Amino acid sequence: MELTVRYDFNSSLNFETGWTHLFKGAFAKNAPNAPEGKDIDYFYVQSLLRF
């Protein structure tokens, strides 16, 4: 599941932020050296400058 928000400041600069939730299935829970079997959330912020 993913949610993304993008804001275009002008034609050369935009910002984006997002959230992703990873539902761990059987493989991700049982793989060798896999961390604890909880689901994982990722957050990010990025910008793009074009010139």
N, C-alpha and C. Protein backbone atom coordinates (compact mmCIF):
# COMPACT_ATOMS: atom_id res chain seq x y z
N MET A 1 0.85 -1.15 0.00
CA MET A 1 0.00 0.00 0.00
C MET A 1 0.90 1.22 0.00
N GLU A 2 0.53 2.23 -0.81
CA GLU A 2 1.37 3.41 -0.92
C GLU A 2 0.52 4.66 -1.05
N LEU A 3 0.98 5.73 -0.43
CA LEU A 3 0.34 7.03 -0.53
C LEU A 3 1.42 8.03 -0.87
N THR A 4 1.20 8.82 -1.93
CA THR A 4 2.18 9.79 -2.39
C THR A 4 1.49 11.13 -2.59
N VAL A 5 2.18 12.21 -2.18
CA VAL A 5 1.69 13.57 -2.39
C VAL A 5 2.78 14.34 -3.10
N ARG A 6 2.39 15.04 -4.17
CA ARG A 6 3.36 15.80 -4.95
C ARG A 6 2.88 17.24 -5.07
N TYR A 7 3.81 18.18 -4.90
CA TYR A 7 3.51 19.61 -5.02
C TYR A 7 4.47 20.21 -6.03
N ASP A 8 3.91 20.78 -7.09
CA ASP A 8 4.73 21.47 -8.10
C ASP A 8 4.84 22.94 -7.72
N PHE A 9 6.00 23.33 -7.22
CA PHE A 9 6.23 24.71 -6.81
C PHE A 9 6.23 25.63 -8.02
N ASN A 10 6.92 25.21 -9.06
CA ASN A 10 6.90 25.88 -10.37
C ASN A 10 7.33 24.85 -11.41
N SER A 11 7.58 25.28 -12.64
CA SER A 11 7.89 24.31 -13.70
C SER A 11 9.26 23.65 -13.51
N SER A 12 10.10 24.19 -12.64
CA SER A 12 11.44 23.64 -12.45
C SER A 12 11.64 22.93 -11.12
N LEU A 13 10.73 23.12 -10.18
CA LEU A 13 10.93 22.58 -8.84
C LEU A 13 9.65 21.91 -8.34
N ASN A 14 9.79 20.68 -7.90
CA ASN A 14 8.64 20.02 -7.26
C ASN A 14 9.11 19.18 -6.08
N PHE A 15 8.19 18.96 -5.16
CA PHE A 15 8.44 18.22 -3.93
C PHE A 15 7.49 17.04 -3.87
N GLU A 16 7.97 15.97 -3.26
CA GLU A 16 7.14 14.78 -3.13
C GLU A 16 7.42 14.13 -1.78
N THR A 17 6.38 13.66 -1.14
CA THR A 17 6.51 12.91 0.10
C THR A 17 5.60 11.70 0.02
N GLY A 18 5.94 10.67 0.74
CA GLY A 18 5.12 9.47 0.64
C GLY A 18 5.29 8.54 1.82
N TRP A 19 4.39 7.59 1.85
CA TRP A 19 4.37 6.55 2.88
C TRP A 19 4.06 5.22 2.18
N THR A 20 4.75 4.19 2.55
CA THR A 20 4.53 2.85 2.01
C THR A 20 4.46 1.86 3.17
N HIS A 21 3.51 0.96 3.09
CA HIS A 21 3.37 -0.10 4.11
C HIS A 21 3.61 -1.44 3.43
N LEU A 22 4.58 -2.17 3.94
CA LEU A 22 4.91 -3.49 3.40
C LEU A 22 4.28 -4.55 4.28
N PHE A 23 3.32 -5.29 3.72
CA PHE A 23 2.72 -6.41 4.43
C PHE A 23 3.61 -7.63 4.18
N LYS A 24 4.27 -8.10 5.22
CA LYS A 24 5.18 -9.23 5.06
C LYS A 24 4.41 -10.52 4.86
N GLY A 25 4.74 -11.21 3.79
CA GLY A 25 4.16 -12.51 3.53
C GLY A 25 5.02 -13.60 4.14
N ALA A 26 4.71 -14.83 3.82
CA ALA A 26 5.42 -15.98 4.38
C ALA A 26 6.90 -15.97 4.01
N PHE A 27 7.23 -15.62 2.77
CA PHE A 27 8.64 -15.62 2.36
C PHE A 27 9.45 -14.61 3.15
N ALA A 28 8.94 -13.38 3.26
CA ALA A 28 9.67 -12.33 3.97
C ALA A 28 9.80 -12.63 5.46
N LYS A 29 8.85 -13.35 6.02
CA LYS A 29 8.93 -13.70 7.45
C LYS A 29 9.87 -14.87 7.70
N ASN A 30 9.99 -15.79 6.74
CA ASN A 30 10.74 -17.03 6.96
C ASN A 30 12.07 -17.10 6.23
N ALA A 31 12.46 -16.06 5.51
CA ALA A 31 13.72 -16.07 4.77
C ALA A 31 14.90 -16.13 5.76
N PRO A 32 16.03 -16.71 5.33
CA PRO A 32 17.20 -16.75 6.22
C PRO A 32 17.61 -15.34 6.63
N ASN A 33 17.93 -15.17 7.91
CA ASN A 33 18.36 -13.89 8.49
C ASN A 33 17.29 -12.80 8.39
N ALA A 34 16.05 -13.17 8.22
CA ALA A 34 14.96 -12.18 8.16
C ALA A 34 14.78 -11.54 9.52
N PRO A 35 14.55 -10.22 9.55
CA PRO A 35 14.28 -9.57 10.84
C PRO A 35 12.93 -10.02 11.39
N GLU A 36 12.59 -9.55 12.55
CA GLU A 36 11.34 -9.91 13.21
C GLU A 36 10.17 -9.79 12.23
N GLY A 37 9.17 -10.64 12.38
CA GLY A 37 8.10 -10.78 11.40
C GLY A 37 7.04 -9.72 11.35
N LYS A 38 7.31 -8.51 11.81
CA LYS A 38 6.32 -7.43 11.76
C LYS A 38 6.30 -6.77 10.39
N ASP A 39 5.15 -6.17 10.05
CA ASP A 39 5.06 -5.37 8.83
C ASP A 39 5.94 -4.13 8.99
N ILE A 40 6.26 -3.49 7.86
CA ILE A 40 7.20 -2.37 7.87
C ILE A 40 6.56 -1.16 7.21
N ASP A 41 6.82 0.04 7.77
CA ASP A 41 6.40 1.30 7.17
C ASP A 41 7.63 2.08 6.74
N TYR A 42 7.56 2.66 5.54
CA TYR A 42 8.61 3.51 5.01
C TYR A 42 8.03 4.90 4.76
N PHE A 43 8.78 5.94 5.10
CA PHE A 43 8.41 7.32 4.81
C PHE A 43 9.54 7.95 4.01
N TYR A 44 9.19 8.82 3.09
CA TYR A 44 10.24 9.49 2.32
C TYR A 44 9.81 10.90 1.93
N VAL A 45 10.82 11.74 1.66
CA VAL A 45 10.63 13.10 1.17
C VAL A 45 11.69 13.30 0.09
N GLN A 46 11.28 13.87 -1.02
CA GLN A 46 12.26 14.13 -2.09
C GLN A 46 11.90 15.40 -2.82
N SER A 47 12.87 15.95 -3.52
CA SER A 47 12.64 17.14 -4.35
C SER A 47 13.32 16.92 -5.70
N LEU A 48 12.81 17.60 -6.69
CA LEU A 48 13.37 17.52 -8.04
C LEU A 48 13.55 18.92 -8.57
N LEU A 49 14.77 19.25 -8.97
CA LEU A 49 15.09 20.55 -9.54
C LEU A 49 15.57 20.33 -10.96
N ARG A 50 14.85 20.89 -11.90
CA ARG A 50 15.22 20.79 -13.31
C ARG A 50 15.78 22.13 -13.81
N PHE A 51 16.87 22.06 -14.54
CA PHE A 51 17.43 23.31 -15.11
C PHE A 51 17.99 23.05 -16.48
